[in-house]
């Protein structure tokens, strides 16, 4: 059975905002000071990340 390889970081391709997965709250948290608060964030989900762990 395949195991999911979840990402722990993501970056918006529009404004540059970076998020990091917070295991204790089970949610994404903003890291750094870049990004626009009202951006309709476009995450690079089809990029280099492989969602299937081998």
C-alpha atoms as a PDB file:
ATOM      1  CA  UNK A   1       0.000   0.000   0.000  1.00  0.00           C
ATOM      2  CA  UNK A   2       1.287   3.487  -0.885  1.00  0.00           C
ATOM      3  CA  UNK A   3       1.928   5.992   1.876  1.00  0.00           C
ATOM      4  CA  UNK A   4       1.223   9.712   1.477  1.00  0.00           C
ATOM      5  CA  UNK A   5       4.161  12.085   1.650  1.00  0.00           C
ATOM      6  CA  UNK A   6       2.574  15.268   3.013  1.00  0.00           C
ATOM      7  CA  UNK A   7       4.313  18.603   2.385  1.00  0.00           C
ATOM      8  CA  UNK A   8       5.525  20.567   5.417  1.00  0.00           C
ATOM      9  CA  UNK A   9       6.125  23.883   3.612  1.00  0.00           C
ATOM     10  CA  UNK A  10       4.368  25.744   0.816  1.00  0.00           C
ATOM     11  CA  UNK A  11       4.828  29.051  -1.004  1.00  0.00           C
ATOM     12  CA  UNK A  12       2.277  31.176  -2.861  1.00  0.00           C
ATOM     13  CA  UNK A  13       3.281  31.666  -6.505  1.00  0.00           C
ATOM     14  CA  UNK A  14       1.469  35.043  -6.630  1.00  0.00           C
ATOM     15  CA  UNK A  15       2.671  36.944  -3.543  1.00  0.00           C
ATOM     16  CA  UNK A  16       5.521  34.820  -2.145  1.00  0.00           C
ATOM     17  CA  UNK A  17       3.899  34.042   1.223  1.00  0.00           C
ATOM     18  CA  UNK A  18       5.414  30.979   2.881  1.00  0.00           C
ATOM     19  CA  UNK A  19       3.505  28.652   5.184  1.00  0.00           C
ATOM     20  CA  UNK A  20       4.735  25.836   7.381  1.00  0.00           C
ATOM     21  CA  UNK A  21       2.685  22.897   8.693  1.00  0.00           C
ATOM     22  CA  UNK A  22       2.133  23.127  12.464  1.00  0.00           C
ATOM     23  CA  UNK A  23       1.749  19.591  13.815  1.00  0.00           C
ATOM     24  CA  UNK A  24       0.397  20.700  17.208  1.00  0.00           C
ATOM     25  CA  UNK A  25      -2.492  22.737  15.745  1.00  0.00           C
ATOM     26  CA  UNK A  26      -2.884  20.567  12.615  1.00  0.00           C
ATOM     27  CA  UNK A  27      -2.945  23.663  10.445  1.00  0.00           C
ATOM     28  CA  UNK A  28      -0.757  25.827   8.195  1.00  0.00           C
ATOM     29  CA  UNK A  29       0.935  28.838   9.856  1.00  0.00           C
ATOM     30  CA  UNK A  30       2.533  31.813   8.131  1.00  0.00           C
ATOM     31  CA  UNK A  31       6.325  32.023   8.272  1.00  0.00           C
ATOM     32  CA  UNK A  32       8.192  35.201   7.416  1.00  0.00           C
ATOM     33  CA  UNK A  33       6.771  38.605   6.604  1.00  0.00           C
ATOM     34  CA  UNK A  34       6.175  38.394   2.837  1.00  0.00           C
ATOM     35  CA  UNK A  35       2.825  38.060   1.181  1.00  0.00           C
ATOM     36  CA  UNK A  36      -0.444  39.930   0.892  1.00  0.00           C
ATOM     37  CA  UNK A  37      -3.203  39.160   3.437  1.00  0.00           C
ATOM     38  CA  UNK A  38      -5.999  39.286   0.833  1.00  0.00           C
ATOM     39  CA  UNK A  39      -4.207  37.389  -1.941  1.00  0.00           C
ATOM     40  CA  UNK A  40      -6.108  34.441  -3.414  1.00  0.00           C
ATOM     41  CA  UNK A  41      -3.105  32.235  -2.757  1.00  0.00           C
ATOM     42  CA  UNK A  42      -1.972  29.950  -5.536  1.00  0.00           C
ATOM     43  CA  UNK A  43       0.043  27.106  -4.006  1.00  0.00           C
ATOM     44  CA  UNK A  44       2.484  25.221  -6.218  1.00  0.00           C
ATOM     45  CA  UNK A  45       0.768  21.881  -5.584  1.00  0.00           C
ATOM     46  CA  UNK A  46       1.779  20.440  -8.965  1.00  0.00           C
ATOM     47  CA  UNK A  47       5.428  21.372  -8.628  1.00  0.00           C
ATOM     48  CA  UNK A  48       8.350  19.272  -7.450  1.00  0.00           C
ATOM     49  CA  UNK A  49       6.639  17.663  -4.458  1.00  0.00           C
ATOM     50  CA  UNK A  50       5.963  13.946  -4.875  1.00  0.00           C
ATOM     51  CA  UNK A  51       2.808  13.042  -2.852  1.00  0.00           C
ATOM     52  CA  UNK A  52       3.560   9.301  -2.840  1.00  0.00           C
ATOM     53  CA  UNK A  53       6.270   8.067  -0.469  1.00  0.00           C
ATOM     54  CA  UNK A  54       8.351   5.260  -1.899  1.00  0.00           C
END
